[in-house]
Amino acid sequence: WVGAEEDQAVQAVGFADVSGFSVLSKRISSEELGELVDAFEREAVDVVTQYDGRVVKFIGDEVLFVVESVDTAVDIALALSERMAESAVSVQLHCGIAFGPTITIGGDVFGNTVNLAKRLTAAARRNKVVLTKPTALEALGDREDLQIHRVARVFELKGIGRTQIVSVSRRSEEGTLRRRRRSHE
């Protein structure tokens, strides 16, 4: 990257990875695999740009994206997961989101925040969006449309250390109404 400008920012970094891709690739034809990858890439670009984020790159069956806020990164991950589950190729994703300083060189993003997002993605189960507990509570604590689920296990993330994570999902309409009623009582 000789001569490439370096851009430092504080932003949300997200990875979304197709669950079980290796096993799936052994069970389906090359044509079907190509359709799956095309659909995933198309949906990822569509969803990320819809939320004013930027797709940094695709790495095999996963997408790396950046956006200004954790709030928006969670919306992107949930929307992409929902779209892929409902698409003609119907697959589940697992996603990790981190927030912090990054360095962009030649369009690619580097730094501990990127490493953390990648490690969180590896720790996420099928159809889950995970973040560190402090990040989720700080950024999403007032979102009534989301439910934050504590993950009981503490993870030892390579290069990061012991990390308490949470998964985030959309709250059902019924759950949101119950929560509002309780807050008014």
C-alpha atoms as a PDB file:
ATOM      1  CA  TRP A   1       0.000   0.000   0.000  1.00  0.00           C
ATOM      2  CA  VAL A   2       2.863   2.329  -0.768  1.00  0.00           C
ATOM      3  CA  GLY A   3       1.519   5.852  -1.022  1.00  0.00           C
ATOM      4  CA  ALA A   4      -1.948   4.902   0.283  1.00  0.00           C
ATOM      5  CA  GLU A   5      -3.467   7.378   2.682  1.00  0.00           C
ATOM      6  CA  GLU A   6      -4.168   6.161   6.187  1.00  0.00           C
ATOM      7  CA  ASP A   7      -7.544   7.088   7.692  1.00  0.00           C
ATOM      8  CA  GLN A   8      -8.200   6.650  11.399  1.00  0.00           C
ATOM      9  CA  ALA A   9     -11.749   6.445  12.738  1.00  0.00           C
ATOM     10  CA  VAL A  10     -13.844   5.183  15.606  1.00  0.00           C
ATOM     11  CA  GLN A  11     -16.573   3.028  14.114  1.00  0.00           C
ATOM     12  CA  ALA A  12     -18.570  -0.175  14.335  1.00  0.00           C
ATOM     13  CA  VAL A  13     -17.061  -3.157  12.550  1.00  0.00           C
ATOM     14  CA  GLY A  14     -19.209  -6.149  11.658  1.00  0.00           C
ATOM     15  CA  PHE A  15     -18.675  -9.577  10.192  1.00  0.00           C
ATOM     16  CA  ALA A  16     -21.510 -11.763   8.909  1.00  0.00           C
ATOM     17  CA  ASP A  17     -20.616 -15.355   8.089  1.00  0.00           C
ATOM     18  CA  VAL A  18     -22.701 -18.098   6.465  1.00  0.00           C
ATOM     19  CA  SER A  19     -23.224 -20.855   9.063  1.00  0.00           C
ATOM     20  CA  GLY A  20     -22.160 -24.335   8.040  1.00  0.00           C
ATOM     21  CA  PHE A  21     -20.784 -23.222   4.688  1.00  0.00           C
ATOM     22  CA  SER A  22     -18.085 -25.920   4.498  1.00  0.00           C
ATOM     23  CA  VAL A  23     -20.564 -28.739   5.104  1.00  0.00           C
ATOM     24  CA  LEU A  24     -23.099 -27.162   2.780  1.00  0.00           C
ATOM     25  CA  SER A  25     -20.532 -26.791  -0.015  1.00  0.00           C
ATOM     26  CA  LYS A  26     -19.963 -30.561   0.037  1.00  0.00           C
ATOM     27  CA  ARG A  27     -23.693 -31.323  -0.264  1.00  0.00           C
ATOM     28  CA  ILE A  28     -24.748 -29.018  -3.088  1.00  0.00           C
ATOM     29  CA  SER A  29     -23.643 -28.612  -6.692  1.00  0.00           C
ATOM     30  CA  SER A  30     -21.136 -26.000  -7.843  1.00  0.00           C
ATOM     31  CA  GLU A  31     -23.973 -24.153  -9.563  1.00  0.00           C
ATOM     32  CA  GLU A  32     -26.042 -24.036  -6.362  1.00  0.00           C
ATOM     33  CA  LEU A  33     -22.983 -22.943  -4.386  1.00  0.00           C
ATOM     34  CA  GLY A  34     -22.393 -20.121  -6.866  1.00  0.00           C
ATOM     35  CA  GLU A  35     -26.036 -19.041  -6.544  1.00  0.00           C
ATOM     36  CA  LEU A  36     -25.717 -19.029  -2.754  1.00  0.00           C
ATOM     37  CA  VAL A  37     -22.569 -16.896  -2.782  1.00  0.00           C
ATOM     38  CA  ASP A  38     -24.067 -14.518  -5.362  1.00  0.00           C
ATOM     39  CA  ALA A  39     -27.268 -14.146  -3.316  1.00  0.00           C
ATOM     40  CA  PHE A  40     -25.306 -13.549  -0.100  1.00  0.00           C
ATOM     41  CA  GLU A  41     -23.069 -10.928  -1.696  1.00  0.00           C
ATOM     42  CA  ARG A  42     -26.015  -9.187  -3.381  1.00  0.00           C
ATOM     43  CA  GLU A  43     -28.046  -9.069  -0.146  1.00  0.00           C
ATOM     44  CA  ALA A  44     -25.041  -7.953   1.911  1.00  0.00           C
ATOM     45  CA  VAL A  45     -24.258  -5.032  -0.394  1.00  0.00           C
ATOM     46  CA  ASP A  46     -27.940  -4.069  -0.529  1.00  0.00           C
ATOM     47  CA  VAL A  47     -28.490  -4.160   3.242  1.00  0.00           C
ATOM     48  CA  VAL A  48     -25.207  -2.505   4.243  1.00  0.00           C
ATOM     49  CA  THR A  49     -25.627   0.369   1.788  1.00  0.00           C
ATOM     50  CA  GLN A  50     -29.304   0.757   2.750  1.00  0.00           C
ATOM     51  CA  TYR A  51     -28.074   1.623   6.262  1.00  0.00           C
ATOM     52  CA  ASP A  52     -25.304   3.940   4.960  1.00  0.00           C
ATOM     53  CA  GLY A  53     -22.575   1.459   5.842  1.00  0.00           C
ATOM     54  CA  ARG A  54     -19.678   0.332   3.688  1.00  0.00           C
ATOM     55  CA  VAL A  55     -18.837  -3.186   2.592  1.00  0.00           C
ATOM     56  CA  VAL A  56     -15.085  -3.445   3.088  1.00  0.00           C
ATOM     57  CA  LYS A  57     -14.686  -6.866   1.494  1.00  0.00           C
ATOM     58  CA  PHE A  58     -15.938 -10.399   1.125  1.00  0.00           C
ATOM     59  CA  ILE A  59     -13.760 -13.164   2.517  1.00  0.00           C
ATOM     60  CA  GLY A  60     -15.118 -16.437   1.181  1.00  0.00           C
ATOM     61  CA  ASP A  61     -18.556 -16.860   2.728  1.00  0.00           C
ATOM     62  CA  GLU A  62     -18.367 -13.804   4.972  1.00  0.00           C
ATOM     63  CA  VAL A  63     -18.679 -10.062   4.656  1.00  0.00           C
ATOM     64  CA  LEU A  64     -16.763  -7.396   6.560  1.00  0.00           C
ATOM     65  CA  PHE A  65     -18.586  -4.067   6.878  1.00  0.00           C
ATOM     66  CA  VAL A  66     -18.188  -0.788   8.742  1.00  0.00           C
ATOM     67  CA  VAL A  67     -20.685   1.834   9.835  1.00  0.00           C
ATOM     68  CA  GLU A  68     -20.679   4.774  12.227  1.00  0.00           C
ATOM     69  CA  SER A  69     -22.649   3.299  15.145  1.00  0.00           C
ATOM     70  CA  VAL A  70     -23.186   0.020  16.978  1.00  0.00           C
ATOM     71  CA  ASP A  71     -26.902   0.661  16.745  1.00  0.00           C
ATOM     72  CA  THR A  72     -26.791   0.669  12.959  1.00  0.00           C
ATOM     73  CA  ALA A  73     -24.370  -2.272  12.778  1.00  0.00           C
ATOM     74  CA  VAL A  74     -26.838  -4.380  14.779  1.00  0.00           C
ATOM     75  CA  ASP A  75     -29.664  -3.329  12.453  1.00  0.00           C
ATOM     76  CA  ILE A  76     -27.533  -4.352   9.463  1.00  0.00           C
ATOM     77  CA  ALA A  77     -26.667  -7.752  10.938  1.00  0.00           C
ATOM     78  CA  LEU A  78     -30.266  -8.515  11.925  1.00  0.00           C
ATOM     79  CA  ALA A  79     -31.683  -7.363   8.567  1.00  0.00           C
ATOM     80  CA  LEU A  80     -29.113  -9.375   6.609  1.00  0.00           C
ATOM     81  CA  SER A  81     -29.785 -12.477   8.733  1.00  0.00           C
ATOM     82  CA  GLU A  82     -33.526 -12.110   8.189  1.00  0.00           C
ATOM     83  CA  ARG A  83     -33.155 -11.617   4.443  1.00  0.00           C
ATOM     84  CA  MET A  84     -30.861 -14.615   4.029  1.00  0.00           C
ATOM     85  CA  ALA A  85     -33.184 -16.840   6.072  1.00  0.00           C
ATOM     86  CA  GLU A  86     -36.108 -15.823   3.839  1.00  0.00           C
ATOM     87  CA  SER A  87     -34.227 -15.903   0.525  1.00  0.00           C
ATOM     88  CA  ALA A  88     -34.495 -18.604  -2.116  1.00  0.00           C
ATOM     89  CA  VAL A  89     -31.170 -20.068  -0.910  1.00  0.00           C
ATOM     90  CA  SER A  90     -32.226 -19.797   2.776  1.00  0.00           C
ATOM     91  CA  VAL A  91     -29.134 -19.928   4.992  1.00  0.00           C
ATOM     92  CA  GLN A  92     -28.424 -18.819   8.519  1.00  0.00           C
ATOM     93  CA  LEU A  93     -25.682 -16.377   9.452  1.00  0.00           C
ATOM     94  CA  HIS A  94     -23.680 -15.723  12.560  1.00  0.00           C
ATOM     95  CA  CYS A  95     -22.471 -12.182  13.159  1.00  0.00           C
ATOM     96  CA  GLY A  96     -20.060 -10.325  15.405  1.00  0.00           C
ATOM     97  CA  ILE A  97     -19.929  -6.584  15.993  1.00  0.00           C
ATOM     98  CA  ALA A  98     -17.291  -4.498  17.761  1.00  0.00           C
ATOM     99  CA  PHE A  99     -16.861  -0.773  18.230  1.00  0.00           C
ATOM    100  CA  GLY A 100     -13.658   1.211  18.491  1.00  0.00           C
ATOM    101  CA  PRO A 101     -10.705   2.688  16.666  1.00  0.00           C
ATOM    102  CA  THR A 102      -9.766   1.432  13.202  1.00  0.00           C
ATOM    103  CA  ILE A 103      -7.280   2.314  10.524  1.00  0.00           C
ATOM    104  CA  THR A 104      -8.317   2.247   6.881  1.00  0.00           C
ATOM    105  CA  ILE A 105      -5.559   1.818   4.323  1.00  0.00           C
ATOM    106  CA  GLY A 106      -6.321   1.323   0.652  1.00  0.00           C
ATOM    107  CA  GLY A 107      -9.969   0.629   1.443  1.00  0.00           C
ATOM    108  CA  ASP A 108      -9.246  -2.207   3.903  1.00  0.00           C
ATOM    109  CA  VAL A 109      -9.805  -1.857   7.662  1.00  0.00           C
ATOM    110  CA  PHE A 110      -7.303  -2.865  10.343  1.00  0.00           C
ATOM    111  CA  GLY A 111      -6.915  -2.801  14.118  1.00  0.00           C
ATOM    112  CA  ASN A 112      -7.952  -4.448  17.354  1.00  0.00           C
ATOM    113  CA  THR A 113     -11.601  -3.579  16.733  1.00  0.00           C
ATOM    114  CA  VAL A 114     -11.545  -5.605  13.506  1.00  0.00           C
ATOM    115  CA  ASN A 115      -9.852  -8.500  15.311  1.00  0.00           C
ATOM    116  CA  LEU A 116     -12.463  -8.410  18.079  1.00  0.00           C
ATOM    117  CA  ALA A 117     -15.360  -8.408  15.587  1.00  0.00           C
ATOM    118  CA  LYS A 118     -13.818 -11.418  13.824  1.00  0.00           C
ATOM    119  CA  ARG A 119     -13.366 -13.324  17.110  1.00  0.00           C
ATOM    120  CA  LEU A 120     -16.942 -12.511  18.166  1.00  0.00           C
ATOM    121  CA  THR A 121     -18.230 -13.880  14.862  1.00  0.00           C
ATOM    122  CA  ALA A 122     -16.377 -17.132  15.491  1.00  0.00           C
ATOM    123  CA  ALA A 123     -17.996 -17.348  18.952  1.00  0.00           C
ATOM    124  CA  ALA A 124     -21.516 -16.642  17.643  1.00  0.00           C
ATOM    125  CA  ARG A 125     -23.948 -19.486  17.094  1.00  0.00           C
ATOM    126  CA  ARG A 126     -26.218 -19.893  14.091  1.00  0.00           C
ATOM    127  CA  ASN A 127     -28.593 -16.995  13.554  1.00  0.00           C
ATOM    128  CA  LYS A 128     -27.022 -14.924  16.351  1.00  0.00           C
ATOM    129  CA  VAL A 129     -25.593 -11.420  16.458  1.00  0.00           C
ATOM    130  CA  VAL A 130     -23.058 -11.027  19.280  1.00  0.00           C
ATOM    131  CA  LEU A 131     -21.245  -8.135  20.897  1.00  0.00           C
ATOM    132  CA  THR A 132     -19.277  -7.626  24.067  1.00  0.00           C
ATOM    133  CA  LYS A 133     -21.555  -7.049  27.029  1.00  0.00           C
ATOM    134  CA  PRO A 134     -20.298  -3.488  27.779  1.00  0.00           C
ATOM    135  CA  THR A 135     -20.683  -2.401  24.149  1.00  0.00           C
ATOM    136  CA  ALA A 136     -24.227  -3.771  23.924  1.00  0.00           C
ATOM    137  CA  LEU A 137     -25.399  -2.256  27.198  1.00  0.00           C
ATOM    138  CA  GLU A 138     -23.932   1.152  26.386  1.00  0.00           C
ATOM    139  CA  ALA A 139     -25.123   1.337  22.781  1.00  0.00           C
ATOM    140  CA  LEU A 140     -28.385  -0.612  22.870  1.00  0.00           C
ATOM    141  CA  GLY A 141     -29.696  -0.316  26.422  1.00  0.00           C
ATOM    142  CA  ASP A 142     -32.548   2.026  25.483  1.00  0.00           C
ATOM    143  CA  ARG A 143     -33.700   0.161  22.353  1.00  0.00           C
ATOM    144  CA  GLU A 144     -37.119  -1.296  23.149  1.00  0.00           C
ATOM    145  CA  ASP A 145     -37.211  -3.145  19.823  1.00  0.00           C
ATOM    146  CA  LEU A 146     -34.187  -5.272  20.764  1.00  0.00           C
ATOM    147  CA  GLN A 147     -33.637  -7.958  23.338  1.00  0.00           C
ATOM    148  CA  ILE A 148     -30.186  -8.482  24.830  1.00  0.00           C
ATOM    149  CA  HIS A 149     -29.492 -12.069  25.931  1.00  0.00           C
ATOM    150  CA  ARG A 150     -26.601 -12.736  28.292  1.00  0.00           C
ATOM    151  CA  VAL A 151     -24.414 -15.635  27.185  1.00  0.00           C
ATOM    152  CA  ALA A 152     -23.513 -17.613  30.312  1.00  0.00           C
ATOM    153  CA  ARG A 153     -20.097 -18.737  29.106  1.00  0.00           C
ATOM    154  CA  VAL A 154     -17.128 -16.380  29.291  1.00  0.00           C
ATOM    155  CA  PHE A 155     -15.076 -16.708  26.110  1.00  0.00           C
ATOM    156  CA  GLU A 156     -11.288 -16.749  25.866  1.00  0.00           C
ATOM    157  CA  LEU A 157     -10.853 -14.903  22.567  1.00  0.00           C
ATOM    158  CA  LYS A 158      -7.485 -15.281  20.857  1.00  0.00           C
ATOM    159  CA  GLY A 159      -5.479 -12.076  21.148  1.00  0.00           C
ATOM    160  CA  ILE A 160      -8.284 -10.456  23.152  1.00  0.00           C
ATOM    161  CA  GLY A 161      -8.584 -12.404  26.424  1.00  0.00           C
ATOM    162  CA  ARG A 162     -11.558 -13.303  28.603  1.00  0.00           C
ATOM    163  CA  THR A 163     -14.681 -11.710  27.156  1.00  0.00           C
ATOM    164  CA  GLN A 164     -18.309 -11.674  28.302  1.00  0.00           C
ATOM    165  CA  ILE A 165     -20.593 -11.572  25.287  1.00  0.00           C
ATOM    166  CA  VAL A 166     -24.283 -11.058  24.678  1.00  0.00           C
ATOM    167  CA  SER A 167     -26.500 -11.916  21.737  1.00  0.00           C
ATOM    168  CA  VAL A 168     -29.017  -9.465  20.369  1.00  0.00           C
ATOM    169  CA  SER A 169     -32.320 -10.236  18.686  1.00  0.00           C
ATOM    170  CA  ARG A 170     -35.435  -8.382  17.707  1.00  0.00           C
ATOM    171  CA  ARG A 171     -38.043  -8.245  20.427  1.00  0.00           C
ATOM    172  CA  SER A 172     -41.397  -9.609  19.347  1.00  0.00           C
ATOM    173  CA  GLU A 173     -44.233  -7.087  19.115  1.00  0.00           C
ATOM    174  CA  GLU A 174     -45.938  -8.831  22.041  1.00  0.00           C
ATOM    175  CA  GLY A 175     -42.801  -8.563  24.190  1.00  0.00           C
ATOM    176  CA  THR A 176     -42.466  -4.859  23.404  1.00  0.00           C
ATOM    177  CA  LEU A 177     -46.087  -4.221  24.443  1.00  0.00           C
ATOM    178  CA  ARG A 178     -45.590  -6.120  27.737  1.00  0.00           C
ATOM    179  CA  ARG A 179     -42.433  -4.124  28.471  1.00  0.00           C
ATOM    180  CA  ARG A 180     -44.218  -0.821  27.802  1.00  0.00           C
ATOM    181  CA  ARG A 181     -47.123  -1.818  30.072  1.00  0.00           C
ATOM    182  CA  ARG A 182     -44.725  -2.701  32.920  1.00  0.00           C
ATOM    183  CA  SER A 183     -42.883   0.624  32.589  1.00  0.00           C
ATOM    184  CA  HIS A 184     -46.197   2.517  32.877  1.00  0.00           C
ATOM    185  CA  GLU A 185     -47.310   0.669  36.009  1.00  0.00           C
END
